[in-house]
Structure formats: C-alpha cells, structure tokens
Amino acid sequence: MKLLLFDIDGTMLTTQGVGRQAVERALSTLTGEPVSAQGIPFSGKTDPQILREVLLAHGLTDVPAPLLQEAVALYVEAMHELLVPERVRLLDGVRPLLEHLQTRPDVHLALLTGNVEPMAYLKLRAVGLDHHFAFGAFGSDHADRAELPPIAIRRARAHTGHTFHGPDVVIIGDTEHDICCGRGVGAFSVAVCTGHFSRDHLATFGPDVLLDDLRDPALFVRHVMHRAA
C-alpha cells in the first residue's frame, strides 16, 4: 500500500503569477503601504514562510504570530478575488494520472503542499481536482515543510486505518524542498521538471525518481510504484 503525497503549484497546476500578486495585495492592505514581493523566491515554500519573508524584506524586524495569521487571512481573501479560471492552468497529464491512480487498490492519494488548506482546495477546485484529495498536510499545519510529512502520515492513518512507513510514503513535487522534506521519515521522492527548476538542478538533490513531467501514467507506475516497492 502506497501513500502518494502530491504538491500542487508547479506539480499539478500553475496560477501564472496570481499568487505573487495576491501576496502583494494582502500585505499592502496589512501594512497600509505598497509592498513588493519581487525578487523573493516562492517555489517550495509554505504560505506562512513566504508572507513572513516578504514582510521582513519590507522592513519589519519581527512578524509575531497574530500579525502572520492576519496576513494569511488577507492572502486567502485576495486569492479568492484574483484566481479567475483563465489564470489557472492544469499541467499536462495530471488529470489522467490521478484518475488512473484513484482506481488502484494499492494507492491512497493525499496532499503535501505549502499552501494553507483553504488555498489548496481553492486552487484544486478551479481545475476540478479537489475530489481526488480527502486529506493532506498544509502550510497552515506548519511553516516548515520538513514538518509536514509526519502530519500527512498521521492523517493517512486516521483516514485509511493503515500505517505507512518509509518508501511506502511517496512525495511528488517540483522543487528541492519536495525532494528533501521527506527524508526524516524515509519517504520515496519523485521530482518533476514542470516548475521553475531544471532537471540538472533537481538532480543535485538526489530524488529517487526524476521525471520530465506527469504525462504518462504507465511511466509513472513503472518508475515510481515498482521502484518504491
């Protein structure tokens, strides 16, 4: 039995810059002055981590928890306003892959994403994928992505009654953060070159499997399901 933990942005879909725009709108509302997120990398980070980094870059010396919570709420609100359907693009092969995996009795699908939970499902609903994922671990659970795999495993046990160990946990994502975050639980890592990073860049972090994309369900099963056995 495998627990497949999917990242969202750059792995299953792209919002084509809306997230950065929403961060700037939310933090400009919060601070009462224009805030720029330009030059700050977002890929692979949790939403709270991103918001904190942008606020610190804007000149704040500290971001206490209540302020960060307010920033997250404003960010979710801004995304609801800005995330129109034409700004969300489902990446090639993702839908047929999920539909295939959903039919397999040896697979449970879940999320492992830096998005806070309401943001994750907002994006997935925009492309009709939300029904594939009943649970997961989110940026709203912890700002440090490395803390999310144990949370996902606990929730998987609660949802499925099965305890997943080591390479039975498969993390699929498009950044080095996805590759590295599961090492503490012995997870099997699958990197896909569908985000902002090249194959050569991702290869330096030693994923168990490195795929160009998720277009071919049979290739995924062969390289991931069989090798992670």
Protein backbone atom coordinates (compact mmCIF):
# COMPACT_ATOMS: atom_id res chain seq x y z
CA MET A 1 0.00 0.00 0.00
CA LYS A 2 1.36 3.40 -1.03
CA LEU A 3 0.58 6.89 0.25
CA LEU A 4 1.15 9.31 -2.63
CA LEU A 5 1.59 12.88 -1.42
CA PHE A 6 1.24 15.44 -4.19
CA ASP A 7 2.47 19.02 -4.20
CA ILE A 8 0.20 21.49 -6.01
CA ASP A 9 1.93 24.52 -7.56
CA GLY A 10 4.31 23.62 -10.36
CA THR A 11 3.46 19.94 -9.96
CA MET A 12 -0.24 19.69 -10.78
CA LEU A 13 -1.11 23.22 -11.87
CA THR A 14 0.14 26.76 -12.24
CA THR A 15 -1.61 30.01 -11.32
CA GLN A 16 0.64 32.06 -13.61
CA GLY A 17 1.74 34.73 -11.16
CA VAL A 18 -1.54 35.21 -9.31
CA GLY A 19 -0.01 34.08 -6.01
CA ARG A 20 2.64 36.79 -6.06
CA GLN A 21 0.02 39.38 -6.97
CA ALA A 22 -2.19 38.21 -4.09
CA VAL A 23 0.71 38.36 -1.61
CA GLU A 24 1.43 41.94 -2.61
CA ARG A 25 -2.24 42.94 -2.36
CA ALA A 26 -2.67 41.24 1.03
CA LEU A 27 0.45 42.71 2.59
CA SER A 28 -0.20 46.17 1.15
CA THR A 29 -3.61 46.03 2.86
CA LEU A 30 -2.00 44.81 6.07
CA THR A 31 0.73 47.46 6.24
CA GLY A 32 -1.16 50.33 4.64
CA GLU A 33 1.59 50.93 2.07
CA PRO A 34 2.76 49.31 -1.18
CA VAL A 35 4.58 46.01 -0.66
CA SER A 36 6.61 44.30 -3.38
CA ALA A 37 7.38 40.59 -3.41
CA GLN A 38 9.67 40.86 -6.42
CA GLY A 39 12.97 39.03 -6.07
CA ILE A 40 11.74 36.72 -3.30
CA PRO A 41 11.54 33.05 -4.38
CA PHE A 42 8.22 31.35 -3.60
CA SER A 43 8.74 27.85 -5.02
CA GLY A 44 8.63 25.05 -2.47
CA LYS A 45 7.96 27.33 0.49
CA THR A 46 4.91 27.38 2.73
CA ASP A 47 2.49 30.29 2.54
CA PRO A 48 3.31 31.48 6.09
CA GLN A 49 7.02 31.29 5.27
CA ILE A 50 6.54 33.37 2.11
CA LEU A 51 4.45 36.01 3.86
CA ARG A 52 6.94 36.28 6.69
CA GLU A 53 9.89 36.64 4.30
CA VAL A 54 8.16 39.36 2.29
CA LEU A 55 7.26 41.30 5.44
CA LEU A 56 10.83 41.08 6.73
CA ALA A 57 12.16 42.21 3.34
CA HIS A 58 9.73 45.13 3.50
CA GLY A 59 11.42 46.31 6.69
CA LEU A 60 9.62 44.68 9.59
CA THR A 61 12.02 43.44 12.25
CA ASP A 62 9.60 40.84 13.62
CA VAL A 63 6.43 39.09 12.47
CA PRO A 64 4.50 37.94 15.55
CA ALA A 65 2.01 35.11 15.18
CA PRO A 66 -1.16 37.27 15.29
CA LEU A 67 0.18 39.50 12.51
CA LEU A 68 1.10 36.47 10.41
CA GLN A 69 -2.37 34.98 10.92
CA GLU A 70 -3.92 38.23 9.72
CA ALA A 71 -1.60 38.21 6.70
CA VAL A 72 -2.65 34.66 5.83
CA ALA A 73 -6.35 35.57 6.06
CA LEU A 74 -5.85 38.59 3.79
CA TYR A 75 -3.87 36.45 1.36
CA VAL A 76 -6.65 33.87 1.09
CA GLU A 77 -9.15 36.68 0.58
CA ALA A 78 -7.02 38.21 -2.18
CA MET A 79 -6.67 34.86 -3.93
CA HIS A 80 -10.45 34.39 -3.90
CA GLU A 81 -10.72 37.72 -5.71
CA LEU A 82 -7.87 37.20 -8.18
CA LEU A 83 -7.97 33.49 -9.03
CA VAL A 84 -10.23 33.58 -12.07
CA PRO A 85 -10.43 30.37 -14.15
CA GLU A 86 -8.35 31.69 -17.03
CA ARG A 87 -5.41 32.27 -14.69
CA VAL A 88 -5.24 28.61 -13.57
CA ARG A 89 -3.64 26.05 -15.88
CA LEU A 90 -3.75 22.31 -15.22
CA LEU A 91 -0.44 20.74 -16.19
CA ASP A 92 -0.36 18.10 -18.90
CA GLY A 93 -1.10 14.54 -17.84
CA VAL A 94 -2.14 15.29 -14.29
CA ARG A 95 -5.85 14.52 -14.63
CA PRO A 96 -5.44 11.12 -16.35
CA LEU A 97 -2.69 10.18 -13.91
CA LEU A 98 -4.86 10.93 -10.88
CA GLU A 99 -7.83 9.16 -12.44
CA HIS A 100 -5.67 6.08 -13.01
CA LEU A 101 -4.18 6.14 -9.53
CA GLN A 102 -7.63 6.57 -7.99
CA THR A 103 -8.64 3.18 -9.41
CA ARG A 104 -5.74 1.31 -7.84
CA PRO A 105 -6.50 -0.52 -4.59
CA ASP A 106 -2.85 -0.20 -3.51
CA VAL A 107 -2.82 3.63 -3.55
CA HIS A 108 -4.12 6.41 -1.34
CA LEU A 109 -3.84 9.96 -2.66
CA ALA A 110 -3.22 12.95 -0.42
CA LEU A 111 -1.63 16.40 -0.49
CA LEU A 112 1.64 17.69 0.85
CA THR A 113 1.73 21.36 0.00
CA GLY A 114 2.96 24.68 1.28
CA ASN A 115 -0.47 26.16 0.60
CA VAL A 116 -2.63 26.80 3.62
CA GLU A 117 -5.56 24.39 3.50
CA PRO A 118 -8.27 26.73 2.13
CA MET A 119 -5.86 27.93 -0.56
CA ALA A 120 -5.02 24.37 -1.59
CA TYR A 121 -8.64 23.44 -2.19
CA LEU A 122 -9.41 26.78 -3.86
CA LYS A 123 -6.77 26.01 -6.49
CA LEU A 124 -7.77 22.37 -6.89
CA ARG A 125 -11.46 23.24 -7.29
CA ALA A 126 -10.52 25.67 -10.07
CA VAL A 127 -9.33 22.72 -12.19
CA GLY A 128 -11.72 20.07 -10.86
CA LEU A 129 -9.17 18.03 -8.91
CA ASP A 130 -10.35 18.60 -5.34
CA HIS A 131 -12.35 15.34 -5.18
CA HIS A 132 -9.16 13.31 -5.54
CA PHE A 133 -7.76 14.54 -2.21
CA ALA A 134 -9.68 13.96 1.01
CA PHE A 135 -6.80 14.98 3.26
CA GLY A 136 -3.21 16.11 3.39
CA ALA A 137 -0.68 18.27 5.20
CA PHE A 138 -0.62 22.00 4.55
CA GLY A 139 1.26 25.21 5.18
CA SER A 140 -1.42 26.01 7.76
CA ASP A 141 -0.22 23.00 9.76
CA HIS A 142 3.39 24.17 9.99
CA ALA A 143 5.52 26.86 8.33
CA ASP A 144 8.42 24.40 7.93
CA ARG A 145 7.81 21.99 5.06
CA ALA A 146 10.00 19.33 6.70
CA GLU A 147 7.39 19.06 9.47
CA LEU A 148 4.59 18.20 7.04
CA PRO A 149 5.32 14.54 6.13
CA PRO A 150 4.74 13.23 9.68
CA ILE A 151 1.47 15.17 9.79
CA ALA A 152 0.37 13.66 6.47
CA ILE A 153 1.24 10.16 7.69
CA ARG A 154 -0.80 10.63 10.88
CA ARG A 155 -3.78 11.86 8.90
CA ALA A 156 -3.44 8.99 6.46
CA ARG A 157 -3.65 6.54 9.35
CA ALA A 158 -6.78 8.29 10.63
CA HIS A 159 -8.42 8.27 7.18
CA THR A 160 -7.39 4.83 5.96
CA GLY A 161 -6.62 2.79 9.07
CA HIS A 162 -3.25 1.93 7.53
CA THR A 163 0.14 2.95 8.93
CA PHE A 164 2.57 3.99 6.21
CA HIS A 165 6.32 3.64 6.68
CA GLY A 166 9.45 4.68 4.78
CA PRO A 167 9.24 4.25 1.00
CA ASP A 168 5.53 3.42 1.23
CA VAL A 169 5.27 7.22 1.50
CA VAL A 170 5.90 8.81 -1.91
CA ILE A 171 6.30 12.59 -2.19
CA ILE A 172 5.81 14.12 -5.64
CA GLY A 173 6.90 17.70 -6.28
CA ASP A 174 8.81 20.13 -8.46
CA THR A 175 11.38 21.65 -6.08
CA GLU A 176 14.31 20.60 -3.93
CA HIS A 177 12.11 21.26 -0.89
CA ASP A 178 9.78 18.47 -2.03
CA ILE A 179 12.75 16.15 -2.53
CA CYS A 180 14.30 16.85 0.86
CA CYS A 181 11.30 17.28 3.17
CA GLY A 182 10.52 13.57 3.45
CA ARG A 183 13.98 12.30 4.31
CA GLY A 184 13.24 12.41 8.01
CA VAL A 185 10.53 9.76 7.55
CA GLY A 186 12.40 7.77 4.88
CA ALA A 187 9.96 8.76 2.13
CA PHE A 188 10.50 7.97 -1.55
CA SER A 189 10.91 11.19 -3.56
CA VAL A 190 9.70 11.90 -7.08
CA ALA A 191 10.83 15.16 -8.68
CA VAL A 192 9.12 16.52 -11.79
CA CYS A 193 10.59 19.18 -14.07
CA THR A 194 7.30 21.05 -14.54
CA GLY A 195 8.02 24.00 -12.27
CA HIS A 196 10.76 26.63 -12.26
CA PHE A 197 13.72 24.28 -11.88
CA SER A 198 15.73 22.36 -14.45
CA ARG A 199 16.43 18.65 -14.48
CA ASP A 200 20.10 19.34 -13.65
CA HIS A 201 19.16 21.49 -10.65
CA LEU A 202 16.74 18.92 -9.23
CA ALA A 203 19.16 16.06 -9.86
CA THR A 204 21.72 17.60 -7.49
CA PHE A 205 19.34 16.96 -4.58
CA GLY A 206 19.16 13.23 -5.26
CA PRO A 207 15.50 12.40 -5.85
CA ASP A 208 14.70 8.69 -6.07
CA VAL A 209 12.99 9.31 -9.41
CA LEU A 210 13.31 12.32 -11.73
CA LEU A 211 10.62 12.76 -14.39
CA ASP A 212 10.26 15.40 -17.08
CA ASP A 213 6.51 15.60 -16.44
CA LEU A 214 3.46 13.55 -15.46
CA ARG A 215 2.10 12.95 -18.96
CA ASP A 216 2.45 9.16 -18.97
CA PRO A 217 0.62 7.19 -16.23
CA ALA A 218 2.30 3.94 -17.30
CA LEU A 219 5.75 5.52 -16.99
CA PHE A 220 4.85 6.87 -13.55
CA VAL A 221 3.68 3.45 -12.37
CA ARG A 222 6.79 1.75 -13.75
CA HIS A 223 9.30 4.19 -12.29
CA VAL A 224 7.50 5.08 -9.07
CA MET A 225 5.15 2.31 -7.93
CA HIS A 226 7.54 -0.51 -8.83
CA ARG A 227 10.77 1.15 -7.68
CA ALA A 228 9.26 2.28 -4.39
CA ALA A 229 8.21 -1.30 -3.61
